[in-house]
Protein backbone atom coordinates (compact mmCIF):
# COMPACT_ATOMS: atom_id res chain seq x y z
CA MET A 1 25.22 19.90 3.12
CA GLU A 2 23.35 18.66 -0.11
CA LEU A 3 20.97 15.97 0.13
CA CYS A 4 20.21 13.57 -2.46
CA LYS A 5 17.22 13.90 -3.79
CA LYS A 6 17.53 11.13 -6.62
CA GLU A 7 14.90 8.29 -6.69
CA ILE A 8 15.40 4.47 -6.03
CA SER A 9 13.40 2.13 -7.82
CA PRO A 10 11.71 -0.18 -6.07
CA ASN A 11 13.42 -3.40 -7.98
CA VAL A 12 16.53 -1.80 -6.19
CA ILE A 13 15.07 -1.78 -2.80
CA TYR A 14 14.05 -5.43 -3.40
CA ASP A 15 17.43 -6.14 -3.99
CA ILE A 16 18.43 -4.56 -0.98
CA LEU A 17 15.97 -5.99 1.14
CA ASP A 18 16.33 -9.63 -0.46
CA ASP A 19 19.79 -10.53 0.80
CA GLY A 20 19.03 -14.80 1.45
CA GLU A 21 18.42 -13.96 5.30
CA GLU A 22 15.36 -15.18 7.24
CA GLU A 23 14.75 -11.71 7.74
CA SER A 24 14.02 -10.57 4.10
CA GLU A 25 10.56 -11.41 3.66
CA GLU A 26 9.34 -9.92 6.57
CA LEU A 27 11.57 -6.68 5.16
CA ILE A 28 10.13 -7.01 2.10
CA LYS A 29 6.16 -7.23 3.42
CA LYS A 30 6.63 -4.48 6.01
CA TYR A 31 8.48 -1.95 2.71
CA GLU A 32 5.14 -3.20 0.39
CA LYS A 33 2.81 -2.07 3.67
CA PHE A 34 4.85 1.26 3.90
CA ASN A 35 4.52 1.66 0.31
CA LEU A 36 0.85 0.90 -0.08
CA GLN A 37 0.17 3.19 2.68
CA TYR A 38 2.23 6.35 0.72
CA PHE A 39 0.04 5.25 -2.16
CA ILE A 40 -3.36 5.54 -0.21
CA ASN A 41 -2.04 8.66 1.03
CA CYS A 42 -1.09 10.73 -1.48
CA ASN A 43 -4.51 9.92 -3.72
CA VAL A 44 -7.24 10.17 -0.88
CA LYS A 45 -9.57 11.77 -2.92
CA ASP A 46 -9.72 8.67 -5.30
CA VAL A 47 -8.89 5.38 -3.09
CA SER A 48 -10.66 4.81 0.53
CA CYS A 49 -10.00 1.77 3.41
CA CYS A 50 -12.44 -0.98 3.74
CA PRO A 51 -14.45 0.60 7.03
CA THR A 52 -14.36 -2.74 8.40
CA ALA A 53 -11.56 -3.00 11.97
CA GLY A 54 -8.80 -5.04 10.70
CA CYS A 55 -9.20 -5.30 7.50
CA GLU A 56 -6.67 -3.56 4.71
CA TYR A 57 -8.75 -3.95 1.60
CA PHE A 58 -8.69 -0.96 -0.31
CA PHE A 59 -10.68 0.28 -3.75
CA PHE A 60 -10.52 3.15 -5.90
CA TYR A 61 -14.11 5.19 -4.99
CA ASN A 62 -15.90 7.48 -7.31
CA PRO A 63 -19.24 8.81 -5.44
CA GLU A 64 -20.69 9.73 -8.77
CA THR A 65 -20.69 6.32 -9.57
CA ASP A 66 -20.42 4.30 -6.18
CA ASN A 67 -23.46 4.09 -4.40
CA LYS A 68 -23.15 0.32 -2.36
CA PHE A 69 -20.00 -0.59 -0.87
CA TYR A 70 -18.84 -4.57 -0.89
CA CYS A 71 -15.47 -5.92 -0.11
CA SER A 72 -14.31 -8.29 -1.57
CA SER A 73 -11.68 -9.07 1.01
CA CYS A 74 -13.58 -9.55 4.33
CA LYS A 75 -17.11 -10.12 2.42
CA GLU A 76 -18.80 -6.66 4.34
CA ARG A 77 -21.31 -4.44 2.64
């Protein structure tokens, strides 16, 4: 059995998830959170998350130039 390896564009996924039902918005939020986490996991050398518990803010990090941290979401330093 051969598995399909064709990529599905985000637009197609949004069309499938947004079926007009009440649960659609929640499914879209779950998809976006999963997609963001996947992006972060694939870019661990360049991306960091806010160390504040419960804050989901992430940012691009360059250890050579970034020596101070300020979270624009939760305002922690």
